[in-house]
């Protein structure tokens, strides 16, 4: 038998990451090995675990607390980017991107308030997901600012200012002021009555001292 035929037939090759043959499809790996897969330092891997980006398995003293598949999945998501850059990548407004986050279509990176993974953006682009058109909804039957302004003959900005100063009865809901139509109608009639009285006063002829009735 030749001297170089030292390997048994069917022997598993050595995995370069594990340093030994891979005995299972999804092996457990150490923090240091996870750092190699991610191209990070071990301290950063510990931080990812603390932030919830990587799940930890086994007891606290487990020397191989990570699943290789989960580490590779995190690597494949790419480096997190801010929502502003996400809007540029998808060609949408920042408001539309925030709507995707609010509706759960675009998850934020765990431990952040405005970062997302490029892989999640690519999935949205491939699925052509559009943010829903969300219209403000107030109490049933109530008027919005524009409708109230039209009824009172005022500008929408002035109506908003009066509501904020509590000079006009209103309810603030869903980031907008809402007005009871019955109360607005009472105010409209009162304004019209005051205007009519003022017009009558202006139209009344002025009498100078010494004038006598004819």
N, C-alpha and C. Protein backbone atom coordinates (compact mmCIF):
# COMPACT_ATOMS: atom_id res chain seq x y z
N UNK A 1 0.85 -1.18 0.00
CA UNK A 1 0.00 0.00 0.00
C UNK A 1 0.89 1.23 0.00
N UNK A 2 0.54 2.24 -0.80
CA UNK A 2 1.35 3.45 -0.90
C UNK A 2 1.32 4.20 0.43
N UNK A 3 2.40 4.94 0.71
CA UNK A 3 2.52 5.63 1.99
C UNK A 3 1.56 6.80 2.10
N UNK A 4 1.16 7.39 0.93
CA UNK A 4 0.30 8.57 0.98
C UNK A 4 -1.18 8.21 1.13
N UNK A 5 -1.50 6.95 1.20
CA UNK A 5 -2.89 6.56 1.34
C UNK A 5 -3.22 6.35 2.83
N UNK A 6 -3.08 7.47 3.61
CA UNK A 6 -3.30 7.38 5.04
C UNK A 6 -4.73 7.71 5.45
N UNK A 7 -5.54 8.34 4.54
CA UNK A 7 -6.90 8.69 4.86
C UNK A 7 -7.83 7.54 4.54
N UNK A 8 -8.76 7.31 5.45
CA UNK A 8 -9.75 6.27 5.22
C UNK A 8 -10.77 6.75 4.20
N UNK A 9 -11.28 5.85 3.38
CA UNK A 9 -12.31 6.25 2.42
C UNK A 9 -13.53 6.82 3.13
N UNK A 10 -14.05 7.93 2.60
CA UNK A 10 -15.23 8.56 3.19
C UNK A 10 -14.94 9.45 4.38
N UNK A 11 -13.70 9.74 4.69
CA UNK A 11 -13.37 10.60 5.82
C UNK A 11 -13.80 12.03 5.53
N UNK A 12 -14.42 12.70 6.52
CA UNK A 12 -14.92 14.05 6.34
C UNK A 12 -13.78 15.06 6.29
N UNK A 13 -13.88 16.05 5.41
CA UNK A 13 -12.82 17.07 5.35
C UNK A 13 -12.88 17.97 6.58
N UNK A 14 -11.77 18.59 6.89
CA UNK A 14 -11.69 19.48 8.04
C UNK A 14 -12.27 20.84 7.67
N UNK A 15 -13.19 21.32 8.50
CA UNK A 15 -13.79 22.64 8.27
C UNK A 15 -12.78 23.71 8.69
N UNK A 16 -12.45 24.66 7.80
CA UNK A 16 -11.41 25.65 8.15
C UNK A 16 -11.81 26.53 9.33
N UNK A 17 -13.10 26.75 9.54
CA UNK A 17 -13.53 27.57 10.67
C UNK A 17 -13.49 26.80 11.97
N UNK A 18 -13.98 25.57 11.94
CA UNK A 18 -14.06 24.78 13.16
C UNK A 18 -12.73 24.13 13.52
N UNK A 19 -11.87 23.92 12.53
CA UNK A 19 -10.61 23.23 12.79
C UNK A 19 -10.80 21.73 12.94
N UNK A 20 -11.94 21.23 12.56
CA UNK A 20 -12.25 19.80 12.65
C UNK A 20 -13.38 19.51 11.67
N UNK A 21 -13.63 18.25 11.38
CA UNK A 21 -14.74 17.93 10.47
C UNK A 21 -16.07 18.42 11.04
N UNK A 22 -16.93 18.89 10.16
CA UNK A 22 -18.26 19.34 10.57
C UNK A 22 -19.15 18.11 10.73
N UNK A 23 -19.57 17.86 11.97
CA UNK A 23 -20.35 16.66 12.27
C UNK A 23 -21.85 16.90 12.13
N UNK A 24 -22.28 18.16 12.21
CA UNK A 24 -23.70 18.50 12.05
C UNK A 24 -23.82 19.61 11.02
N UNK A 25 -25.01 19.75 10.48
CA UNK A 25 -25.22 20.75 9.43
C UNK A 25 -25.09 22.17 9.97
N UNK A 26 -25.53 22.41 11.20
CA UNK A 26 -25.49 23.75 11.79
C UNK A 26 -24.80 23.68 13.14
N UNK A 27 -23.48 23.72 13.15
CA UNK A 27 -22.75 23.54 14.41
C UNK A 27 -22.78 24.78 15.29
N UNK A 28 -22.54 24.55 16.56
CA UNK A 28 -22.33 25.65 17.50
C UNK A 28 -20.89 26.15 17.35
N UNK A 29 -20.73 27.48 17.48
CA UNK A 29 -19.39 28.05 17.35
C UNK A 29 -19.13 29.00 18.53
N UNK A 30 -17.88 29.33 18.72
CA UNK A 30 -17.49 30.20 19.82
C UNK A 30 -17.62 31.67 19.42
N UNK A 31 -17.46 32.54 20.41
CA UNK A 31 -17.48 33.98 20.14
C UNK A 31 -16.37 34.36 19.17
N UNK A 32 -15.18 33.78 19.38
CA UNK A 32 -14.05 34.09 18.50
C UNK A 32 -14.33 33.65 17.07
N UNK A 33 -14.93 32.47 16.92
CA UNK A 33 -15.27 32.00 15.58
C UNK A 33 -16.36 32.87 14.96
N UNK A 34 -17.32 33.30 15.77
CA UNK A 34 -18.34 34.20 15.26
C UNK A 34 -17.75 35.52 14.79
N UNK A 35 -16.72 35.99 15.50
CA UNK A 35 -16.04 37.22 15.09
C UNK A 35 -15.37 37.06 13.74
N UNK A 36 -14.81 35.86 13.49
CA UNK A 36 -14.18 35.59 12.19
C UNK A 36 -15.22 35.62 11.07
N UNK A 37 -16.37 35.00 11.31
CA UNK A 37 -17.42 34.97 10.28
C UNK A 37 -17.92 36.39 9.98
N UNK A 38 -18.09 37.20 11.02
CA UNK A 38 -18.63 38.55 10.84
C UNK A 38 -17.57 39.57 10.43
N UNK A 39 -16.31 39.19 10.58
CA UNK A 39 -15.26 40.16 10.30
C UNK A 39 -15.20 41.25 11.35
N UNK A 40 -15.54 40.89 12.59
CA UNK A 40 -15.55 41.84 13.70
C UNK A 40 -14.61 41.37 14.79
N UNK A 41 -14.50 42.19 15.83
CA UNK A 41 -13.75 41.79 17.01
C UNK A 41 -14.67 41.04 17.97
N UNK A 42 -14.13 40.16 18.79
CA UNK A 42 -14.98 39.44 19.76
C UNK A 42 -15.80 40.36 20.64
N UNK A 43 -15.25 41.52 21.01
CA UNK A 43 -16.01 42.46 21.85
C UNK A 43 -17.27 42.94 21.13
N UNK A 44 -17.19 43.11 19.81
CA UNK A 44 -18.36 43.53 19.04
C UNK A 44 -19.41 42.42 18.98
N UNK A 45 -18.96 41.17 18.92
CA UNK A 45 -19.89 40.04 18.93
C UNK A 45 -20.63 39.99 20.26
N UNK A 46 -19.91 40.22 21.35
CA UNK A 46 -20.55 40.27 22.67
C UNK A 46 -21.61 41.39 22.70
N UNK A 47 -21.31 42.51 22.06
CA UNK A 47 -22.26 43.63 22.02
C UNK A 47 -23.49 43.26 21.20
N UNK A 48 -23.29 42.56 20.08
CA UNK A 48 -24.43 42.13 19.27
C UNK A 48 -25.36 41.22 20.07
N UNK A 49 -24.77 40.37 20.90
CA UNK A 49 -25.58 39.49 21.74
C UNK A 49 -26.36 40.30 22.76
N UNK A 50 -25.70 41.29 23.36
CA UNK A 50 -26.35 42.13 24.38
C UNK A 50 -27.50 42.94 23.78
N UNK A 51 -27.34 43.37 22.52
CA UNK A 51 -28.38 44.18 21.86
C UNK A 51 -29.50 43.33 21.29
N UNK A 52 -29.33 42.02 21.27
CA UNK A 52 -30.37 41.16 20.72
C UNK A 52 -30.24 40.88 19.24
N UNK A 53 -29.12 41.24 18.65
CA UNK A 53 -28.93 40.98 17.22
C UNK A 53 -28.51 39.54 16.97
N UNK A 54 -27.91 38.92 17.98
CA UNK A 54 -27.50 37.52 17.89
C UNK A 54 -28.04 36.78 19.11
N UNK A 55 -28.76 35.68 18.93
CA UNK A 55 -29.21 34.90 20.09
C UNK A 55 -28.08 34.06 20.67
N UNK A 56 -28.11 33.94 21.97
CA UNK A 56 -27.11 33.12 22.66
C UNK A 56 -27.77 31.83 23.11
N UNK A 57 -27.08 30.71 22.94
CA UNK A 57 -27.63 29.41 23.26
C UNK A 57 -26.82 28.74 24.37
N UNK A 58 -27.50 27.94 25.15
CA UNK A 58 -26.82 27.17 26.19
C UNK A 58 -26.64 27.96 27.47
N UNK A 59 -25.98 27.37 28.43
CA UNK A 59 -25.74 28.02 29.73
C UNK A 59 -24.76 29.18 29.59
N UNK A 60 -24.68 30.04 30.63
CA UNK A 60 -23.78 31.22 30.53
C UNK A 60 -22.32 30.87 30.30
N UNK A 61 -21.88 29.74 30.82
CA UNK A 61 -20.46 29.37 30.66
C UNK A 61 -20.22 28.51 29.44
N UNK A 62 -21.19 28.45 28.54
CA UNK A 62 -21.04 27.64 27.33
C UNK A 62 -19.97 28.25 26.44
N UNK A 63 -19.00 27.46 26.03
CA UNK A 63 -17.91 27.96 25.19
C UNK A 63 -18.29 28.12 23.73
N UNK A 64 -19.40 27.53 23.32
CA UNK A 64 -19.86 27.66 21.93
C UNK A 64 -21.34 28.09 21.96
N UNK A 65 -21.60 29.37 22.22
CA UNK A 65 -22.97 29.83 22.43
C UNK A 65 -23.71 30.26 21.16
N UNK A 66 -23.04 30.21 20.02
CA UNK A 66 -23.65 30.73 18.79
C UNK A 66 -23.91 29.61 17.79
N UNK A 67 -24.99 29.78 17.02
CA UNK A 67 -25.25 28.89 15.89
C UNK A 67 -24.64 29.50 14.63
N UNK A 68 -23.92 28.69 13.89
CA UNK A 68 -23.25 29.20 12.70
C UNK A 68 -24.25 29.81 11.72
N UNK A 69 -25.41 29.17 11.55
CA UNK A 69 -26.40 29.69 10.59
C UNK A 69 -26.87 31.08 10.98
N UNK A 70 -27.04 31.34 12.27
CA UNK A 70 -27.52 32.65 12.72
C UNK A 70 -26.45 33.71 12.57
N UNK A 71 -25.20 33.33 12.78
CA UNK A 71 -24.10 34.28 12.58
C UNK A 71 -23.98 34.63 11.10
N UNK A 72 -24.09 33.63 10.24
CA UNK A 72 -24.01 33.88 8.79
C UNK A 72 -25.19 34.72 8.32
N UNK A 73 -26.37 34.49 8.90
CA UNK A 73 -27.55 35.28 8.53
C UNK A 73 -27.34 36.75 8.90
N UNK A 74 -26.76 37.00 10.06
CA UNK A 74 -26.47 38.38 10.46
C UNK A 74 -25.45 39.01 9.54
N UNK A 75 -24.44 38.25 9.17
CA UNK A 75 -23.42 38.75 8.24
C UNK A 75 -24.04 39.13 6.91
N UNK A 76 -24.95 38.28 6.42
CA UNK A 76 -25.54 38.50 5.10
C UNK A 76 -26.52 39.67 5.07
N UNK A 77 -26.94 40.15 6.25
CA UNK A 77 -27.85 41.31 6.28
C UNK A 77 -27.13 42.60 5.94
N UNK A 78 -25.80 42.60 6.08
CA UNK A 78 -25.03 43.79 5.75
C UNK A 78 -24.91 44.74 6.91
N UNK A 79 -24.10 45.76 6.72
CA UNK A 79 -23.90 46.77 7.77
C UNK A 79 -25.12 47.67 7.87
N UNK A 80 -25.63 47.91 9.07
CA UNK A 80 -26.81 48.77 9.23
C UNK A 80 -26.60 50.16 8.66
N UNK A 81 -27.67 50.73 8.13
CA UNK A 81 -27.63 52.08 7.56
C UNK A 81 -28.78 52.90 8.15
N UNK A 82 -28.66 54.22 8.21
CA UNK A 82 -29.74 55.05 8.76
C UNK A 82 -30.94 55.11 7.81
N UNK A 83 -32.09 55.49 8.35
CA UNK A 83 -33.31 55.55 7.56
C UNK A 83 -33.18 56.54 6.40
N UNK A 84 -32.42 57.60 6.59
CA UNK A 84 -32.25 58.58 5.51
C UNK A 84 -31.60 57.94 4.30
N UNK A 85 -30.57 57.11 4.55
CA UNK A 85 -29.92 56.42 3.43
C UNK A 85 -30.83 55.34 2.84
N UNK A 86 -31.66 54.74 3.71
CA UNK A 86 -32.62 53.75 3.21
C UNK A 86 -33.61 54.38 2.26
N UNK A 87 -34.04 55.60 2.57
CA UNK A 87 -34.97 56.30 1.69
C UNK A 87 -34.33 56.58 0.34
N UNK A 88 -33.05 56.93 0.35
CA UNK A 88 -32.34 57.18 -0.90
C UNK A 88 -32.21 55.90 -1.72
N UNK A 89 -31.91 54.78 -1.05
CA UNK A 89 -31.74 53.51 -1.76
C UNK A 89 -33.04 53.05 -2.41
N UNK A 90 -34.16 53.27 -1.74
CA UNK A 90 -35.44 52.83 -2.28
C UNK A 90 -36.11 53.89 -3.15
N UNK A 91 -35.54 55.09 -3.18
CA UNK A 91 -36.13 56.16 -3.98
C UNK A 91 -37.47 56.61 -3.42
N UNK A 92 -37.59 56.65 -2.09
CA UNK A 92 -38.82 57.07 -1.44
C UNK A 92 -38.52 58.17 -0.43
N UNK A 93 -39.57 58.79 0.05
CA UNK A 93 -39.39 59.83 1.06
C UNK A 93 -39.08 59.20 2.41
N UNK A 94 -38.49 60.00 3.28
CA UNK A 94 -38.20 59.52 4.63
C UNK A 94 -39.50 59.18 5.36
N UNK A 95 -40.56 59.95 5.09
CA UNK A 95 -41.85 59.68 5.71
C UNK A 95 -42.37 58.31 5.29
N UNK A 96 -42.21 57.96 4.01
CA UNK A 96 -42.67 56.65 3.52
C UNK A 96 -41.88 55.52 4.18
N UNK A 97 -40.58 55.74 4.39
CA UNK A 97 -39.76 54.72 5.05
C UNK A 97 -40.22 54.52 6.49
N UNK A 98 -40.53 55.63 7.16
CA UNK A 98 -41.01 55.51 8.55
C UNK A 98 -42.35 54.78 8.60
N UNK A 99 -43.19 54.97 7.57
CA UNK A 99 -44.46 54.24 7.52
C UNK A 99 -44.20 52.74 7.40
N UNK A 100 -43.19 52.36 6.61
CA UNK A 100 -42.86 50.94 6.48
C UNK A 100 -42.38 50.37 7.82
N UNK A 101 -41.66 51.19 8.58
CA UNK A 101 -41.20 50.75 9.90
C UNK A 101 -42.39 50.61 10.84
N UNK A 102 -43.29 51.60 10.83
CA UNK A 102 -44.43 51.60 11.74
C UNK A 102 -45.38 50.42 11.47
N UNK A 103 -45.49 50.02 10.20
CA UNK A 103 -46.39 48.93 9.86
C UNK A 103 -45.73 47.56 9.97
N UNK A 104 -44.45 47.53 10.33
CA UNK A 104 -43.76 46.26 10.52
C UNK A 104 -43.16 45.66 9.27
N UNK A 105 -43.26 46.35 8.13
CA UNK A 105 -42.67 45.82 6.90
C UNK A 105 -41.15 45.95 6.90
N UNK A 106 -40.63 46.95 7.60
CA UNK A 106 -39.19 47.18 7.65
C UNK A 106 -38.75 47.19 9.11
N UNK A 107 -38.14 46.10 9.59
CA UNK A 107 -37.72 46.05 11.00
C UNK A 107 -36.48 46.90 11.24
N UNK A 108 -36.47 47.54 12.40
CA UNK A 108 -35.28 48.28 12.81
C UNK A 108 -34.23 47.32 13.35
N UNK A 109 -32.98 47.72 13.25
CA UNK A 109 -31.91 46.93 13.83
C UNK A 109 -32.09 46.94 15.35
N UNK A 110 -32.10 45.79 16.00
CA UNK A 110 -32.26 45.76 17.46
C UNK A 110 -31.23 46.64 18.16
N UNK A 111 -31.71 47.42 19.12
CA UNK A 111 -30.82 48.31 19.85
C UNK A 111 -30.68 49.67 19.23
N UNK A 112 -31.40 49.94 18.11
CA UNK A 112 -31.34 51.25 17.45
C UNK A 112 -32.75 51.78 17.25
N UNK A 113 -32.84 53.07 16.94
CA UNK A 113 -34.14 53.70 16.68
C UNK A 113 -34.28 54.18 15.24
N UNK A 114 -33.20 54.13 14.47
CA UNK A 114 -33.28 54.65 13.11
C UNK A 114 -32.29 53.96 12.17
N UNK A 115 -32.00 52.68 12.43
CA UNK A 115 -31.07 51.94 11.57
C UNK A 115 -31.77 50.68 11.06
N UNK A 116 -31.46 50.33 9.80
CA UNK A 116 -32.05 49.14 9.19
C UNK A 116 -30.97 48.37 8.44
N UNK A 117 -31.27 47.11 8.14
CA UNK A 117 -30.32 46.27 7.41
C UNK A 117 -30.55 46.40 5.90
N UNK A 118 -29.48 46.48 5.10
CA UNK A 118 -29.62 46.53 3.65
C UNK A 118 -30.37 45.33 3.07
N UNK A 119 -30.21 44.14 3.67
CA UNK A 119 -30.90 42.96 3.16
C UNK A 119 -32.41 43.11 3.28
N UNK A 120 -32.88 43.74 4.35
CA UNK A 120 -34.31 43.96 4.51
C UNK A 120 -34.82 44.97 3.47
N UNK A 121 -33.99 45.94 3.14
CA UNK A 121 -34.36 46.89 2.09
C UNK A 121 -34.47 46.19 0.74
N UNK A 122 -33.53 45.30 0.48
CA UNK A 122 -33.55 44.56 -0.79
C UNK A 122 -34.80 43.70 -0.89
N UNK A 123 -35.22 43.11 0.23
CA UNK A 123 -36.43 42.29 0.22
C UNK A 123 -37.66 43.13 -0.08
N UNK A 124 -37.71 44.35 0.47
CA UNK A 124 -38.84 45.25 0.21
C UNK A 124 -38.85 45.68 -1.24
N UNK A 125 -37.67 45.98 -1.77
CA UNK A 125 -37.59 46.39 -3.18
C UNK A 125 -38.02 45.26 -4.10
N UNK A 126 -37.63 44.02 -3.77
CA UNK A 126 -38.00 42.87 -4.61
C UNK A 126 -39.49 42.59 -4.54
N UNK A 127 -40.08 42.78 -3.34
CA UNK A 127 -41.52 42.52 -3.18
C UNK A 127 -42.37 43.70 -3.60
N UNK A 128 -41.71 44.85 -3.86
CA UNK A 128 -42.42 46.07 -4.27
C UNK A 128 -43.50 46.45 -3.27
N UNK A 129 -43.11 46.42 -1.99
CA UNK A 129 -44.05 46.77 -0.92
C UNK A 129 -44.19 48.29 -0.87
N UNK A 130 -45.42 48.75 -0.87
CA UNK A 130 -45.71 50.17 -0.77
C UNK A 130 -46.28 50.48 0.61
N UNK A 131 -45.87 51.60 1.21
CA UNK A 131 -46.45 51.95 2.51
C UNK A 131 -47.92 52.27 2.36
N UNK A 132 -48.75 51.87 3.30
CA UNK A 132 -50.18 52.15 3.20
C UNK A 132 -50.46 53.64 3.30
N UNK A 133 -51.51 54.08 2.62
CA UNK A 133 -51.93 55.47 2.71
C UNK A 133 -52.73 55.62 3.99
N UNK A 134 -52.17 56.27 4.93
CA UNK A 134 -52.80 56.40 6.25
C UNK A 134 -53.34 57.81 6.42
N UNK A 135 -54.62 57.92 6.54
CA UNK A 135 -55.25 59.22 6.71
C UNK A 135 -55.61 59.42 8.18
N UNK A 136 -55.41 60.64 8.69
CA UNK A 136 -55.76 60.90 10.09
C UNK A 136 -57.24 60.62 10.35
N UNK A 137 -57.53 60.03 11.47
CA UNK A 137 -58.91 59.71 11.83
C UNK A 137 -59.21 60.29 13.21
N UNK A 138 -60.23 61.14 13.26
CA UNK A 138 -60.62 61.75 14.53
C UNK A 138 -61.88 61.11 15.07
N UNK A 139 -62.48 61.72 16.07
CA UNK A 139 -63.75 61.21 16.61
C UNK A 139 -64.82 61.16 15.52
N UNK A 140 -65.71 60.18 15.57
CA UNK A 140 -66.76 60.04 14.52
C UNK A 140 -67.57 61.32 14.37
N UNK A 141 -67.68 61.77 13.12
CA UNK A 141 -68.51 62.93 12.83
C UNK A 141 -67.85 64.27 13.03
N UNK A 142 -66.64 64.31 13.58
CA UNK A 142 -65.98 65.57 13.85
C UNK A 142 -65.39 66.16 12.56
N UNK A 143 -65.17 67.46 12.59
CA UNK A 143 -64.61 68.18 11.45
C UNK A 143 -63.10 68.33 11.62
N UNK A 144 -62.37 68.28 10.51
CA UNK A 144 -60.95 68.55 10.59
C UNK A 144 -60.70 70.06 10.51
N UNK A 145 -59.45 70.45 10.54
CA UNK A 145 -59.11 71.88 10.57
C UNK A 145 -59.58 72.61 9.32
N UNK A 146 -59.39 72.00 8.17
CA UNK A 146 -59.78 72.64 6.92
C UNK A 146 -61.29 72.84 6.84
N UNK A 147 -62.05 71.83 7.21
CA UNK A 147 -63.51 71.94 7.18
C UNK A 147 -64.00 73.01 8.15
N UNK A 148 -63.40 73.04 9.33
CA UNK A 148 -63.79 74.04 10.32
C UNK A 148 -63.48 75.45 9.83
N UNK A 149 -62.31 75.62 9.22
CA UNK A 149 -61.93 76.94 8.70
C UNK A 149 -62.91 77.41 7.64
N UNK A 150 -63.35 76.50 6.79
CA UNK A 150 -64.31 76.88 5.74
C UNK A 150 -65.65 77.29 6.33
N UNK A 151 -66.10 76.62 7.38
CA UNK A 151 -67.38 76.95 7.99
C UNK A 151 -67.34 78.29 8.73
N UNK A 152 -66.20 78.59 9.31
CA UNK A 152 -66.09 79.83 10.07
C UNK A 152 -65.58 81.00 9.23
N UNK A 153 -65.17 80.73 8.00
CA UNK A 153 -64.64 81.79 7.16
C UNK A 153 -63.27 82.27 7.61
N UNK A 154 -62.48 81.36 8.16
CA UNK A 154 -61.15 81.68 8.65
C UNK A 154 -60.11 80.86 7.89
N UNK A 155 -58.84 81.14 8.16
CA UNK A 155 -57.78 80.32 7.56
C UNK A 155 -57.52 79.11 8.45
N UNK A 156 -57.01 78.04 7.86
CA UNK A 156 -56.72 76.83 8.62
C UNK A 156 -55.64 77.10 9.67
N UNK A 157 -54.68 77.95 9.34
CA UNK A 157 -53.62 78.27 10.29
C UNK A 157 -54.18 78.98 11.52
N UNK A 158 -55.11 79.92 11.28
CA UNK A 158 -55.70 80.65 12.40
C UNK A 158 -56.55 79.73 13.28
N UNK A 159 -57.27 78.82 12.65
CA UNK A 159 -58.08 77.86 13.41
C UNK A 159 -57.17 76.99 14.27
N UNK A 160 -56.04 76.54 13.73
CA UNK A 160 -55.10 75.73 14.49
C UNK A 160 -54.54 76.51 15.67
N UNK A 161 -54.21 77.78 15.44
CA UNK A 161 -53.68 78.61 16.52
C UNK A 161 -54.71 78.80 17.63
N UNK A 162 -55.98 79.02 17.25
CA UNK A 162 -57.04 79.21 18.25
C UNK A 162 -57.27 77.92 19.05
N UNK A 163 -57.20 76.77 18.37
CA UNK A 163 -57.39 75.50 19.07
C UNK A 163 -56.25 75.25 20.05
N UNK A 164 -55.02 75.54 19.61
CA UNK A 164 -53.86 75.33 20.47
C UNK A 164 -53.90 76.26 21.68
N UNK A 165 -54.46 77.47 21.52
CA UNK A 165 -54.56 78.43 22.62
C UNK A 165 -55.83 78.23 23.44
N UNK A 166 -56.59 77.18 23.12
CA UNK A 166 -57.83 76.85 23.83
C UNK A 166 -58.87 77.96 23.69
N UNK A 167 -58.82 78.70 22.59
CA UNK A 167 -59.83 79.71 22.31
C UNK A 167 -60.94 79.17 21.41
N UNK A 168 -60.75 77.93 20.97
CA UNK A 168 -61.73 77.25 20.14
C UNK A 168 -61.82 75.81 20.63
N UNK A 169 -63.01 75.33 21.00
CA UNK A 169 -63.11 73.96 21.54
C UNK A 169 -62.70 72.92 20.50
N UNK A 170 -61.77 72.06 20.87
CA UNK A 170 -61.26 71.09 19.93
C UNK A 170 -60.66 69.90 20.68
N UNK A 171 -60.45 68.82 19.95
CA UNK A 171 -59.83 67.61 20.47
C UNK A 171 -58.60 67.31 19.61
N UNK A 172 -57.46 67.09 20.27
CA UNK A 172 -56.25 66.76 19.53
C UNK A 172 -56.08 65.25 19.48
N UNK A 173 -56.18 64.69 18.28
CA UNK A 173 -56.08 63.24 18.12
C UNK A 173 -55.42 62.92 16.79
N UNK A 174 -54.55 61.92 16.80
CA UNK A 174 -53.86 61.48 15.58
C UNK A 174 -53.10 62.64 14.94
N UNK A 175 -52.45 63.44 15.81
CA UNK A 175 -51.61 64.56 15.37
C UNK A 175 -52.38 65.63 14.62
N UNK A 176 -53.64 65.81 14.96
CA UNK A 176 -54.45 66.81 14.28
C UNK A 176 -55.59 67.27 15.20
N UNK A 177 -56.05 68.52 14.98
CA UNK A 177 -57.17 69.04 15.75
C UNK A 177 -58.48 68.63 15.09
N UNK A 178 -59.46 68.30 15.96
CA UNK A 178 -60.79 67.90 15.49
C UNK A 178 -61.84 68.71 16.25
N UNK A 179 -62.95 69.05 15.54
CA UNK A 179 -63.92 69.98 16.08
C UNK A 179 -65.33 69.39 15.99
N UNK A 180 -66.10 69.61 17.07
CA UNK A 180 -67.48 69.16 17.14
C UNK A 180 -68.32 70.04 16.21
N UNK A 181 -68.97 69.47 15.20
CA UNK A 181 -69.72 70.29 14.24
C UNK A 181 -70.85 71.09 14.88
N UNK A 182 -71.48 70.55 15.94
CA UNK A 182 -72.57 71.28 16.59
C UNK A 182 -72.05 72.54 17.26
N UNK A 183 -70.90 72.45 17.93
CA UNK A 183 -70.34 73.62 18.59
C UNK A 183 -69.80 74.62 17.58
N UNK A 184 -69.25 74.11 16.51
CA UNK A 184 -68.76 75.01 15.45
C UNK A 184 -69.93 75.76 14.82
N UNK A 185 -71.07 75.09 14.67
CA UNK A 185 -72.25 75.76 14.12
C UNK A 185 -72.73 76.86 15.06
N UNK A 186 -72.71 76.62 16.37
CA UNK A 186 -73.09 77.64 17.34
C UNK A 186 -72.15 78.84 17.26
N UNK A 187 -70.86 78.57 17.13
CA UNK A 187 -69.89 79.66 17.01
C UNK A 187 -70.10 80.42 15.71
N UNK A 188 -70.41 79.70 14.65
CA UNK A 188 -70.63 80.36 13.36
C UNK A 188 -71.83 81.30 13.43
N UNK A 189 -72.92 80.85 14.07
CA UNK A 189 -74.11 81.70 14.20
C UNK A 189 -73.83 82.90 15.08
N UNK A 190 -73.09 82.69 16.16
CA UNK A 190 -72.76 83.81 17.04
C UNK A 190 -71.90 84.83 16.31
N UNK A 191 -70.94 84.37 15.52
CA UNK A 191 -70.11 85.29 14.74
C UNK A 191 -70.94 86.06 13.74
N UNK A 192 -71.89 85.38 13.10
CA UNK A 192 -72.75 86.04 12.12
C UNK A 192 -73.64 87.08 12.79
N UNK A 193 -74.16 86.76 14.01
CA UNK A 193 -75.00 87.71 14.73
C UNK A 193 -74.20 88.94 15.14
N UNK A 194 -72.98 88.74 15.62
CA UNK A 194 -72.15 89.88 16.00
C UNK A 194 -71.82 90.75 14.80
N UNK A 195 -71.58 90.09 13.68
CA UNK A 195 -71.26 90.85 12.47
C UNK A 195 -72.47 91.68 12.03
N UNK A 196 -73.66 91.11 12.15
CA UNK A 196 -74.88 91.85 11.76
C UNK A 196 -75.10 93.05 12.67
N UNK A 197 -74.87 92.89 14.00
CA UNK A 197 -75.03 94.02 14.91
C UNK A 197 -74.01 95.12 14.61
N UNK A 198 -72.81 94.71 14.30
CA UNK A 198 -71.77 95.68 13.99
C UNK A 198 -72.12 96.46 12.72
N UNK A 199 -72.67 95.74 11.74
CA UNK A 199 -73.05 96.40 10.50
C UNK A 199 -74.17 97.41 10.72
N UNK A 200 -75.11 97.10 11.64
CA UNK A 200 -76.20 98.02 11.91
C UNK A 200 -75.68 99.27 12.61
N UNK A 201 -74.71 99.10 13.51
CA UNK A 201 -74.13 100.25 14.18
C UNK A 201 -73.41 101.15 13.20
N UNK A 202 -72.69 100.55 12.30
CA UNK A 202 -71.95 101.34 11.30
C UNK A 202 -72.90 102.08 10.38
N UNK A 203 -74.02 101.42 10.04
CA UNK A 203 -74.97 102.04 9.11
C UNK A 203 -75.82 103.12 9.76
N UNK A 204 -75.91 103.21 11.11
CA UNK A 204 -76.74 104.20 11.80
C UNK A 204 -76.15 105.60 11.60
N UNK A 205 -76.96 106.59 11.18
CA UNK A 205 -76.42 107.95 10.94
C UNK A 205 -76.01 108.61 12.25
N UNK A 206 -74.94 109.36 12.19
CA UNK A 206 -74.44 110.07 13.36
C UNK A 206 -75.14 111.41 13.49
N UNK A 207 -75.50 111.73 14.74
CA UNK A 207 -76.15 113.03 15.00
C UNK A 207 -75.17 113.94 15.73
N UNK A 208 -75.07 115.16 15.20
CA UNK A 208 -74.23 116.14 15.88
C UNK A 208 -75.03 116.93 16.88
N UNK A 209 -74.37 117.47 17.89
CA UNK A 209 -75.03 118.24 18.92
C UNK A 209 -75.69 119.47 18.29
N UNK A 210 -76.90 119.67 18.67
CA UNK A 210 -77.66 120.82 18.11
C UNK A 210 -78.59 120.42 17.01
N UNK A 211 -78.41 119.19 16.46
CA UNK A 211 -79.32 118.74 15.41
C UNK A 211 -80.68 118.46 16.05
N UNK A 212 -81.73 118.82 15.34
CA UNK A 212 -83.10 118.56 15.82
C UNK A 212 -83.77 117.60 14.88
N UNK A 213 -84.65 116.81 15.45
CA UNK A 213 -85.38 115.87 14.61
C UNK A 213 -86.29 116.59 13.68
N UNK A 214 -86.42 116.12 12.49
CA UNK A 214 -87.29 116.74 11.49
C UNK A 214 -88.74 116.34 11.74
